[in-house]
C-alpha cells in the first residue's frame, strides 16, 4: 500500500448520532419459550418453515418485510409465501390452519401509529398449539427500521436460543469525490450515516468491544495519526501520532489499549498502546514489514501479516510478542486477517490466480476454506455471532461493501451504488 501523499489542512466537524433503544413492554413468555426450535450448532441443521403475516395497521407491511428479510438471510428459516395461508391475518391463531402446510411457527402483528409507533407482536408454535411470546414494542416513528430489527432479534432468539445480530452496524471508509470519510450503516445497508471526518487518506475503523468507540487512522497535515470517536461523549480526538505511518488495529477487550503498526523506527513493526497511560510498547522487531494486526476475543493473542518469510503471510503470536508462528502456507500473498468472536476462525484475504479472495481457517492453520470466487474480495470482518462476514469487493465495477454467511452463501452488496466503499468492520453488538 502506498502511504505517501499531501493532505491540505481541513476543519473536521463531528457528526455523531445517538442510538435510541426501543422500549419494550407487556412481555408475556410461555413455557414454550424454553424450547430450542433451531439448533444452530447441529451439523444436520434444517430450515424451520415459518409464516410471517403483513402486520395490520400503518407501516405494517414494511415492518413485516424487514423482519422477513432479516430472518431469511440467516439461512435458518424457510419462508412460506402468504398466498398459501388459509388463516386471515385478522382471525385468531388456529394451529389446524397451519400444520397441514408443515409450517412450524407463525408471526402476526398489529401496528398503531401516531407521534410514536406501537407494535404488538405474536409468535406462535403450530405443533404445540401455543403462544411462544406476545410482546409490545414502542418507539418514535423515525425509528421504524430499528424497531423491526428488534422484533427480528427477539424472534430469532426465541427460536434459536441465541442473540440476533439485526441491530448491529457496519463501519467503513467511503469515498465521495476525492475525499474519504468514515460511514456507519445498519447491517443490511440501510440508514447510512456520514461523519464529517475526512482526509485524503483514511483507513479502516475498528470498534471497541462495547460498541461505544471507534479508532481509525488518517493522514492529516502530512502526518499519520490514530483517532478515536467516542459516541457517548460525541467527541473525536487524536490519541496517537509519530513519524512514519501509524496504522491502528483492533482494541483489546477492555478498550483501554489497542494494537497498531508503526514505521517510526524504520520498517513497520507492531506495538501496543495504552490509551490511559499513553504508553507505547514494541512487540515485534524484524527486518520485514508487519501490518494488519487483529486481536483474539480474549485479548491473549494477535494475528498479523508479515513478509519475514519472503511474502506476505498470516502469523499468530501471544499478546506480548512471544511464540510467533506462521499459519498460512498456500498462496504467495495473504493479508487482512480478522478473528471471529468465538476465536475459532480467522478470516483473511488471499491472492489466487491474480485475484484476492476471502478465506477462513482455524488459528492453528488447519481447515482452510475459500468463500469467494469472483472479483477482488478483501478486508473481511465477522458479525457479532460469527455466523456472517462483511467484506469489500470490486466485482460490480466500483468497490463496495458486501455481506455473506460464514460458509460463503448468500453473498450480496449492501452499500449504495454511488459510493465507493471499503474497509468494513462489523460492530460487536
Protein backbone atom coordinates (compact mmCIF):
# COMPACT_ATOMS: atom_id res chain seq x y z
CA UNK A 1 0.00 0.00 0.00
CA UNK A 2 1.29 3.46 -0.86
CA UNK A 3 1.03 5.71 2.18
CA UNK A 4 2.59 8.83 0.69
CA UNK A 5 0.65 11.92 -0.23
CA UNK A 6 -0.12 15.50 0.76
CA UNK A 7 -3.21 16.47 2.72
CA UNK A 8 -4.47 20.04 2.77
CA UNK A 9 -5.39 21.23 6.28
CA UNK A 10 -9.12 20.82 6.82
CA UNK A 11 -11.60 21.55 9.56
CA UNK A 12 -13.34 18.48 10.87
CA UNK A 13 -16.92 18.71 12.04
CA UNK A 14 -18.07 15.75 14.07
CA UNK A 15 -21.43 14.41 13.01
CA UNK A 16 -22.46 11.90 15.62
CA UNK A 17 -25.79 10.22 16.06
CA UNK A 18 -27.21 8.68 19.16
CA UNK A 19 -28.85 5.30 19.01
CA UNK A 20 -32.21 5.30 20.74
CA UNK A 21 -33.17 1.92 22.06
CA UNK A 22 -36.67 0.61 21.68
CA UNK A 23 -38.75 0.43 24.82
CA UNK A 24 -40.49 -2.91 25.12
CA UNK A 25 -43.33 -3.73 27.46
CA UNK A 26 -46.11 -6.25 28.03
CA UNK A 27 -43.71 -9.18 27.70
CA UNK A 28 -45.53 -12.46 28.13
CA UNK A 29 -43.45 -15.61 27.85
CA UNK A 30 -44.88 -19.09 28.00
CA UNK A 31 -43.20 -22.38 28.79
CA UNK A 32 -42.71 -22.90 25.06
CA UNK A 33 -40.01 -20.20 25.07
CA UNK A 34 -37.57 -22.64 26.67
CA UNK A 35 -37.73 -24.92 23.64
CA UNK A 36 -34.93 -24.64 21.06
CA UNK A 37 -36.60 -24.86 17.66
CA UNK A 38 -33.40 -24.48 15.63
CA UNK A 39 -30.11 -25.89 16.91
CA UNK A 40 -27.65 -23.72 15.02
CA UNK A 41 -24.74 -25.85 16.25
CA UNK A 42 -26.12 -29.04 14.69
CA UNK A 43 -24.36 -30.35 11.56
CA UNK A 44 -27.75 -31.71 10.44
CA UNK A 45 -29.42 -28.31 10.69
CA UNK A 46 -32.68 -27.93 8.79
CA UNK A 47 -34.60 -24.79 7.93
CA UNK A 48 -37.66 -24.01 10.06
CA UNK A 49 -40.82 -23.38 7.97
CA UNK A 50 -42.24 -20.04 9.11
CA UNK A 51 -45.19 -17.84 8.15
CA UNK A 52 -44.90 -14.06 8.55
CA UNK A 53 -48.05 -12.01 8.04
CA UNK A 54 -48.02 -8.42 6.88
CA UNK A 55 -48.79 -6.64 10.14
CA UNK A 56 -52.15 -4.91 10.35
CA UNK A 57 -52.11 -1.13 10.57
CA UNK A 58 -49.96 1.71 9.18
CA UNK A 59 -46.47 0.66 8.02
CA UNK A 60 -47.37 -2.93 8.94
CA UNK A 61 -46.26 -4.35 5.60
CA UNK A 62 -42.92 -2.51 5.76
CA UNK A 63 -42.20 -3.79 9.26
CA UNK A 64 -43.07 -7.37 8.30
CA UNK A 65 -40.84 -7.19 5.20
CA UNK A 66 -37.84 -6.06 7.28
CA UNK A 67 -38.40 -8.92 9.73
CA UNK A 68 -38.79 -11.35 6.83
CA UNK A 69 -35.57 -10.19 5.13
CA UNK A 70 -33.62 -10.41 8.39
CA UNK A 71 -34.73 -13.95 9.18
CA UNK A 72 -34.42 -15.35 5.66
CA UNK A 73 -30.85 -14.08 5.22
CA UNK A 74 -29.74 -16.27 8.12
CA UNK A 75 -30.41 -19.41 6.09
CA UNK A 76 -32.19 -20.91 9.12
CA UNK A 77 -35.77 -20.27 8.04
CA UNK A 78 -37.92 -21.43 5.16
CA UNK A 79 -40.38 -18.64 4.45
CA UNK A 80 -43.77 -19.91 3.32
CA UNK A 81 -45.39 -17.44 0.93
CA UNK A 82 -48.53 -15.74 2.23
CA UNK A 83 -50.52 -16.79 -0.86
CA UNK A 84 -50.75 -20.25 0.73
CA UNK A 85 -52.07 -19.02 4.09
CA UNK A 86 -55.52 -20.35 4.98
CA UNK A 87 -55.98 -18.20 8.05
CA UNK A 88 -56.61 -14.46 7.52
CA UNK A 89 -54.42 -12.06 9.50
CA UNK A 90 -57.44 -10.68 11.35
CA UNK A 91 -58.56 -14.06 12.70
CA UNK A 92 -57.23 -15.66 15.91
CA UNK A 93 -54.40 -18.14 15.56
CA UNK A 94 -55.63 -21.68 14.90
CA UNK A 95 -52.95 -24.41 14.66
CA UNK A 96 -55.22 -26.54 12.47
CA UNK A 97 -54.80 -23.96 9.70
CA UNK A 98 -51.02 -24.40 9.71
CA UNK A 99 -49.98 -27.96 10.49
CA UNK A 100 -51.28 -29.33 7.14
CA UNK A 101 -48.90 -26.88 5.42
CA UNK A 102 -45.93 -28.04 7.51
CA UNK A 103 -45.50 -24.55 8.99
CA UNK A 104 -43.99 -24.68 12.47
CA UNK A 105 -44.02 -21.01 13.52
CA UNK A 106 -46.34 -18.09 12.75
CA UNK A 107 -45.75 -14.36 13.30
CA UNK A 108 -48.64 -11.90 13.48
CA UNK A 109 -48.68 -8.25 14.45
CA UNK A 110 -50.74 -5.07 14.71
CA UNK A 111 -49.47 -1.50 14.43
CA UNK A 112 -50.72 1.75 15.89
CA UNK A 113 -49.02 4.91 14.68
CA UNK A 114 -49.45 8.50 15.80
CA UNK A 115 -46.49 10.58 17.00
CA UNK A 116 -44.92 7.32 18.13
CA UNK A 117 -45.33 3.81 16.83
CA UNK A 118 -46.61 0.86 18.87
CA UNK A 119 -46.48 -2.72 17.63
CA UNK A 120 -47.97 -5.83 19.23
CA UNK A 121 -46.22 -8.99 18.02
CA UNK A 122 -47.34 -12.58 18.49
CA UNK A 123 -45.14 -15.61 17.79
CA UNK A 124 -46.90 -18.99 17.73
CA UNK A 125 -45.81 -22.63 17.82
CA UNK A 126 -48.18 -24.51 15.50
CA UNK A 127 -47.32 -28.04 16.66
CA UNK A 128 -47.72 -27.23 20.34
CA UNK A 129 -50.73 -25.03 19.57
CA UNK A 130 -49.26 -22.41 21.89
CA UNK A 131 -48.07 -18.83 22.03
CA UNK A 132 -44.27 -18.54 22.23
CA UNK A 133 -44.43 -14.86 23.09
CA UNK A 134 -46.52 -11.73 22.92
CA UNK A 135 -44.54 -8.53 23.05
CA UNK A 136 -45.33 -4.84 22.62
CA UNK A 137 -42.75 -2.51 21.11
CA UNK A 138 -42.86 1.28 21.39
CA UNK A 139 -40.60 3.72 19.57
CA UNK A 140 -40.52 7.04 17.79
CA UNK A 141 -41.92 6.81 14.27
CA UNK A 142 -38.50 7.70 12.83
CA UNK A 143 -37.07 4.52 14.38
CA UNK A 144 -39.26 2.11 12.43
CA UNK A 145 -36.37 0.12 10.98
CA UNK A 146 -34.66 -0.28 14.36
CA UNK A 147 -37.97 -1.40 15.81
CA UNK A 148 -38.40 -4.03 13.08
CA UNK A 149 -34.82 -5.25 13.55
CA UNK A 150 -35.51 -5.51 17.28
CA UNK A 151 -38.54 -7.70 16.61
CA UNK A 152 -36.46 -9.91 14.31
CA UNK A 153 -33.83 -10.23 17.06
CA UNK A 154 -36.44 -11.41 19.57
CA UNK A 155 -37.99 -13.90 17.16
CA UNK A 156 -34.53 -15.25 16.31
CA UNK A 157 -33.60 -15.66 19.98
CA UNK A 158 -36.94 -17.28 20.84
CA UNK A 159 -36.45 -19.90 18.12
CA UNK A 160 -32.68 -20.48 18.34
CA UNK A 161 -31.81 -19.58 21.92
CA UNK A 162 -29.09 -17.24 20.60
CA UNK A 163 -28.98 -13.43 20.28
CA UNK A 164 -29.70 -11.97 16.86
CA UNK A 165 -27.43 -9.53 15.02
CA UNK A 166 -30.11 -7.47 13.30
CA UNK A 167 -29.46 -4.29 15.27
CA UNK A 168 -25.72 -4.41 14.63
CA UNK A 169 -23.95 -1.90 12.40
CA UNK A 170 -21.08 -1.80 9.95
CA UNK A 171 -18.50 0.99 9.91
CA UNK A 172 -16.45 1.56 6.75
CA UNK A 173 -14.48 4.03 4.67
CA UNK A 174 -16.35 5.78 1.88
CA UNK A 175 -15.08 7.99 -0.94
CA UNK A 176 -17.26 10.90 -2.01
CA UNK A 177 -15.33 12.58 -4.78
CA UNK A 178 -11.67 12.78 -3.79
CA UNK A 179 -12.34 12.88 -0.06
CA UNK A 180 -12.52 9.86 2.21
CA UNK A 181 -14.53 9.63 5.40
CA UNK A 182 -15.99 7.28 7.99
CA UNK A 183 -19.53 5.99 7.47
CA UNK A 184 -21.79 3.76 9.56
CA UNK A 185 -24.81 1.82 8.32
CA UNK A 186 -27.17 -0.86 9.57
CA UNK A 187 -26.10 -4.43 8.91
CA UNK A 188 -28.44 -4.56 5.88
CA UNK A 189 -27.02 -1.39 4.31
CA UNK A 190 -29.82 0.96 5.37
CA UNK A 191 -29.65 4.20 7.38
CA UNK A 192 -26.17 5.24 6.26
CA UNK A 193 -24.68 7.94 8.47
CA UNK A 194 -21.76 10.00 7.22
CA UNK A 195 -19.35 11.52 9.69
CA UNK A 196 -17.70 14.83 8.92
CA UNK A 197 -14.29 13.22 9.45
CA UNK A 198 -12.30 13.42 6.26
CA UNK A 199 -8.82 13.22 4.79
CA UNK A 200 -7.12 12.20 1.58
CA UNK A 201 -6.03 9.02 3.37
CA UNK A 202 -8.40 7.31 5.84
CA UNK A 203 -8.06 3.65 6.78
CA UNK A 204 -10.45 1.03 8.15
CA UNK A 205 -12.13 1.76 11.50
CA UNK A 206 -12.09 -0.63 14.48
CA UNK A 207 -14.81 -0.94 17.14
CA UNK A 208 -14.32 -1.23 20.88
CA UNK A 209 -15.88 -4.37 22.35
CA UNK A 210 -18.77 -2.41 23.89
CA UNK A 211 -19.52 -0.63 20.61
CA UNK A 212 -19.14 2.81 22.19
CA UNK A 213 -15.90 3.82 20.47
CA UNK A 214 -14.14 3.56 17.12
CA UNK A 215 -10.49 4.10 16.29
CA UNK A 216 -9.16 4.72 12.80
CA UNK A 217 -6.04 6.05 11.09
CA UNK A 218 -5.80 9.09 8.87
CA UNK A 219 -3.12 11.26 7.32
CA UNK A 220 -3.65 14.91 8.15
CA UNK A 221 -1.19 17.72 7.59
CA UNK A 222 1.34 15.22 6.21
CA UNK A 223 1.33 13.23 9.42
CA UNK A 224 -0.28 9.90 10.25
CA UNK A 225 -2.32 9.72 13.44
CA UNK A 226 -4.73 7.42 15.22
CA UNK A 227 -8.11 9.00 16.02
CA UNK A 228 -10.81 7.94 18.48
CA UNK A 229 -14.54 8.58 18.12
CA UNK A 230 -16.49 8.34 21.38
CA UNK A 231 -20.22 8.03 20.70
CA UNK A 232 -21.31 8.67 24.30
CA UNK A 233 -19.32 11.91 24.62
CA UNK A 234 -19.87 12.83 20.97
CA UNK A 235 -16.18 13.62 20.58
CA UNK A 236 -13.37 12.81 18.18
CA UNK A 237 -9.72 13.27 19.10
CA UNK A 238 -6.23 12.24 18.05
CA UNK A 239 -4.85 9.76 20.57
CA UNK A 240 -1.54 8.83 18.96
CA UNK A 241 0.85 10.20 16.37
CA UNK A 242 4.50 9.70 15.45
CA UNK A 243 6.76 9.98 12.44
CA UNK A 244 6.20 7.46 9.65
CA UNK A 245 2.94 5.58 9.20
CA UNK A 246 0.79 4.70 12.22
CA UNK A 247 -1.99 2.28 11.34
CA UNK A 248 -4.47 1.27 14.05
CA UNK A 249 -5.51 -2.33 14.55
CA UNK A 250 -8.03 -3.79 16.99
CA UNK A 251 -8.83 -2.68 20.51
CA UNK A 252 -8.06 -5.10 23.31
CA UNK A 253 -11.21 -6.27 25.15
CA UNK A 254 -11.07 -3.58 27.87
CA UNK A 255 -10.90 -0.79 25.23
CA UNK A 256 -8.09 0.92 27.15
CA UNK A 257 -5.41 -0.29 24.75
CA UNK A 258 -5.06 -1.23 21.10
CA UNK A 259 -2.51 -2.72 18.75
CA UNK A 260 -1.02 -0.80 15.84
CA UNK A 261 1.56 -0.99 13.09
CA UNK A 262 4.09 1.84 13.02
CA UNK A 263 7.13 2.60 10.87
CA UNK A 264 8.54 5.18 13.30
CA UNK A 265 11.70 3.07 13.77
CA UNK A 266 12.14 2.00 10.16
CA UNK A 267 10.11 -0.77 8.56
CA UNK A 268 6.62 -1.25 10.07
CA UNK A 269 6.57 -3.21 13.33
CA UNK A 270 3.75 -3.95 15.76
CA UNK A 271 3.18 -2.08 19.00
CA UNK A 272 0.59 -1.99 21.75
CA UNK A 273 -0.58 1.36 23.03
CA UNK A 274 -2.15 2.03 26.44
CA UNK A 275 -4.56 4.94 25.92
CA UNK A 276 -4.87 5.90 29.59
CA UNK A 277 -1.16 5.74 30.38
CA UNK A 278 -0.11 6.92 26.91
CA UNK A 279 2.43 4.10 26.90
CA UNK A 280 3.76 2.51 23.72
CA UNK A 281 5.30 -0.96 23.75
CA UNK A 282 7.03 -2.61 20.80
CA UNK A 283 6.13 -6.29 20.41
CA UNK A 284 7.79 -7.26 17.09
CA UNK A 285 11.18 -6.46 15.66
CA UNK A 286 12.24 -7.82 12.30
CA UNK A 287 13.63 -6.59 9.01
CA UNK A 288 10.31 -7.39 7.35
CA UNK A 289 7.05 -5.47 7.13
CA UNK A 290 4.47 -6.31 9.82
CA UNK A 291 0.97 -4.87 9.50
CA UNK A 292 -2.79 -5.55 9.84
CA UNK A 293 -2.93 -6.74 13.47
CA UNK A 294 -6.12 -8.37 14.78
CA UNK A 295 -6.78 -9.26 18.43
CA UNK A 296 -8.31 -12.55 19.59
CA UNK A 297 -11.61 -12.27 21.54
CA UNK A 298 -9.89 -12.98 24.87
CA UNK A 299 -7.12 -10.48 24.15
CA UNK A 300 -4.41 -13.11 24.65
CA UNK A 301 -3.26 -13.44 21.02
CA UNK A 302 -2.63 -11.26 17.99
CA UNK A 303 -2.88 -12.24 14.35
CA UNK A 304 -0.94 -10.16 11.84
CA UNK A 305 0.66 -10.01 8.38
CA UNK A 306 4.42 -10.29 7.90
CA UNK A 307 6.70 -10.79 4.92
CA UNK A 308 9.54 -12.07 7.13
CA UNK A 309 9.36 -15.36 5.21
CA UNK A 310 9.65 -13.68 1.80
CA UNK A 311 5.97 -12.98 1.03
CA UNK A 312 3.02 -11.55 2.99
CA UNK A 313 1.57 -14.32 5.19
CA UNK A 314 -0.64 -14.59 8.28
CA UNK A 315 1.06 -15.15 11.62
CA UNK A 316 -0.21 -15.56 15.19
CA UNK A 317 1.59 -14.68 18.43
CA UNK A 318 0.96 -14.06 22.10
CA UNK A 319 -0.04 -10.55 23.16
CA UNK A 320 3.50 -9.78 24.38
CA UNK A 321 5.03 -10.77 21.04
CA UNK A 322 6.24 -14.24 22.04
CA UNK A 323 5.61 -17.58 20.32
CA UNK A 324 5.28 -16.25 16.76
CA UNK A 325 4.02 -18.90 14.35
CA UNK A 326 3.01 -18.81 10.70
CA UNK A 327 -0.46 -20.20 9.88
CA UNK A 328 -0.86 -19.65 6.10
CA UNK A 329 1.19 -21.69 3.65
CA UNK A 330 -0.92 -21.67 0.46
CA UNK A 331 -0.64 -18.68 -1.86
CA UNK A 332 2.06 -16.03 -2.09
CA UNK A 333 0.01 -13.08 -0.78
CA UNK A 334 -2.25 -13.37 2.28
CA UNK A 335 -3.40 -10.34 4.25
CA UNK A 336 -6.18 -8.59 6.24
CA UNK A 337 -6.79 -11.17 9.00
CA UNK A 338 -9.84 -10.84 11.25
CA UNK A 339 -10.54 -13.01 14.30
CA UNK A 340 -14.01 -14.47 14.79
CA UNK A 341 -15.90 -13.55 18.00
CA UNK A 342 -15.65 -17.12 19.27
CA UNK A 343 -11.95 -17.31 18.48
CA UNK A 344 -12.38 -20.46 16.41
CA UNK A 345 -11.71 -18.98 12.94
CA UNK A 346 -9.61 -16.30 11.28
CA UNK A 347 -10.86 -14.75 8.05
CA UNK A 348 -8.36 -13.22 5.61
CA UNK A 349 -7.82 -12.17 2.01
CA UNK A 350 -5.57 -14.34 -0.13
CA UNK A 351 -4.46 -13.91 -3.73
CA UNK A 352 -5.30 -16.75 -6.09
CA UNK A 353 -4.96 -16.63 -9.90
CA UNK A 354 -4.29 -12.89 -9.74
CA UNK A 355 -7.43 -12.08 -7.71
CA UNK A 356 -7.95 -11.56 -3.98
CA UNK A 357 -10.45 -13.93 -2.36
CA UNK A 358 -11.82 -14.38 1.15
CA UNK A 359 -10.74 -17.46 3.14
CA UNK A 360 -11.15 -18.71 6.67
CA UNK A 361 -9.03 -21.14 8.67
CA UNK A 362 -8.51 -22.22 12.25
CA UNK A 363 -5.97 -20.32 14.37
CA UNK A 364 -3.65 -23.32 14.14
CA UNK A 365 -3.64 -23.04 10.33
CA UNK A 366 -5.88 -26.04 9.59
CA UNK A 367 -9.17 -26.30 7.71
CA UNK A 368 -8.52 -23.67 5.05
CA UNK A 369 -11.79 -22.77 3.29
CA UNK A 370 -12.29 -20.43 0.30
CA UNK A 371 -15.53 -18.40 0.42
CA UNK A 372 -15.48 -16.09 -2.62
CA UNK A 373 -14.79 -16.69 -6.30
CA UNK A 374 -15.44 -13.54 -8.35
CA UNK A 375 -13.66 -10.19 -8.48
CA UNK A 376 -11.24 -8.91 -5.86
CA UNK A 377 -12.52 -9.52 -2.32
CA UNK A 378 -10.74 -8.07 0.70
CA UNK A 379 -10.92 -6.87 4.32
CA UNK A 380 -13.24 -9.47 5.90
CA UNK A 381 -14.88 -8.84 9.27
CA UNK A 382 -17.08 -11.22 11.28
CA UNK A 383 -20.55 -10.40 12.61
CA UNK A 384 -21.07 -10.37 16.42
CA UNK A 385 -22.17 -14.02 16.43
CA UNK A 386 -19.55 -15.19 13.92
CA UNK A 387 -22.18 -16.54 11.51
CA UNK A 388 -21.72 -13.84 8.85
CA UNK A 389 -18.88 -11.89 7.25
CA UNK A 390 -18.74 -8.44 5.70
CA UNK A 391 -16.04 -7.64 3.13
CA UNK A 392 -15.20 -5.28 0.28
CA UNK A 393 -15.35 -6.34 -3.36
CA UNK A 394 -14.97 -4.77 -6.80
CA UNK A 395 -16.98 -7.50 -8.56
CA UNK A 396 -19.59 -4.96 -9.67
CA UNK A 397 -17.06 -2.50 -11.08
CA UNK A 398 -16.99 0.01 -8.21
CA UNK A 399 -15.62 -1.24 -4.89
CA UNK A 400 -18.42 -1.73 -2.36
CA UNK A 401 -19.39 -3.46 0.90
CA UNK A 402 -20.85 -6.98 0.78
CA UNK A 403 -22.10 -9.47 3.34
CA UNK A 404 -22.37 -13.26 3.26
CA UNK A 405 -22.91 -16.19 5.55
CA UNK A 406 -19.71 -17.50 7.10
CA UNK A 407 -19.85 -20.53 4.77
CA UNK A 408 -19.82 -18.26 1.69
CA UNK A 409 -23.54 -18.47 0.90
CA UNK A 410 -25.92 -15.56 0.16
CA UNK A 411 -23.32 -13.01 -0.95
CA UNK A 412 -24.87 -9.62 -1.63
CA UNK A 413 -23.86 -5.98 -1.88
CA UNK A 414 -25.27 -3.65 0.79
CA UNK A 415 -23.51 -0.31 0.17
CA UNK A 416 -25.10 2.13 -2.32
CA UNK A 417 -24.06 2.10 -5.98
CA UNK A 418 -22.99 5.74 -5.94
CA UNK A 419 -20.44 5.34 -3.14
CA UNK A 420 -17.01 3.74 -3.37
CA UNK A 421 -16.75 1.86 -0.08
CA UNK A 422 -14.21 -0.43 1.58
CA UNK A 423 -12.62 -1.31 4.95
CA UNK A 424 -15.81 -2.64 6.59
CA UNK A 425 -15.85 -3.56 10.28
CA UNK A 426 -18.90 -5.20 11.87
CA UNK A 427 -19.90 -3.82 15.27
CA UNK A 428 -19.59 -6.15 18.28
CA UNK A 429 -23.32 -5.95 19.09
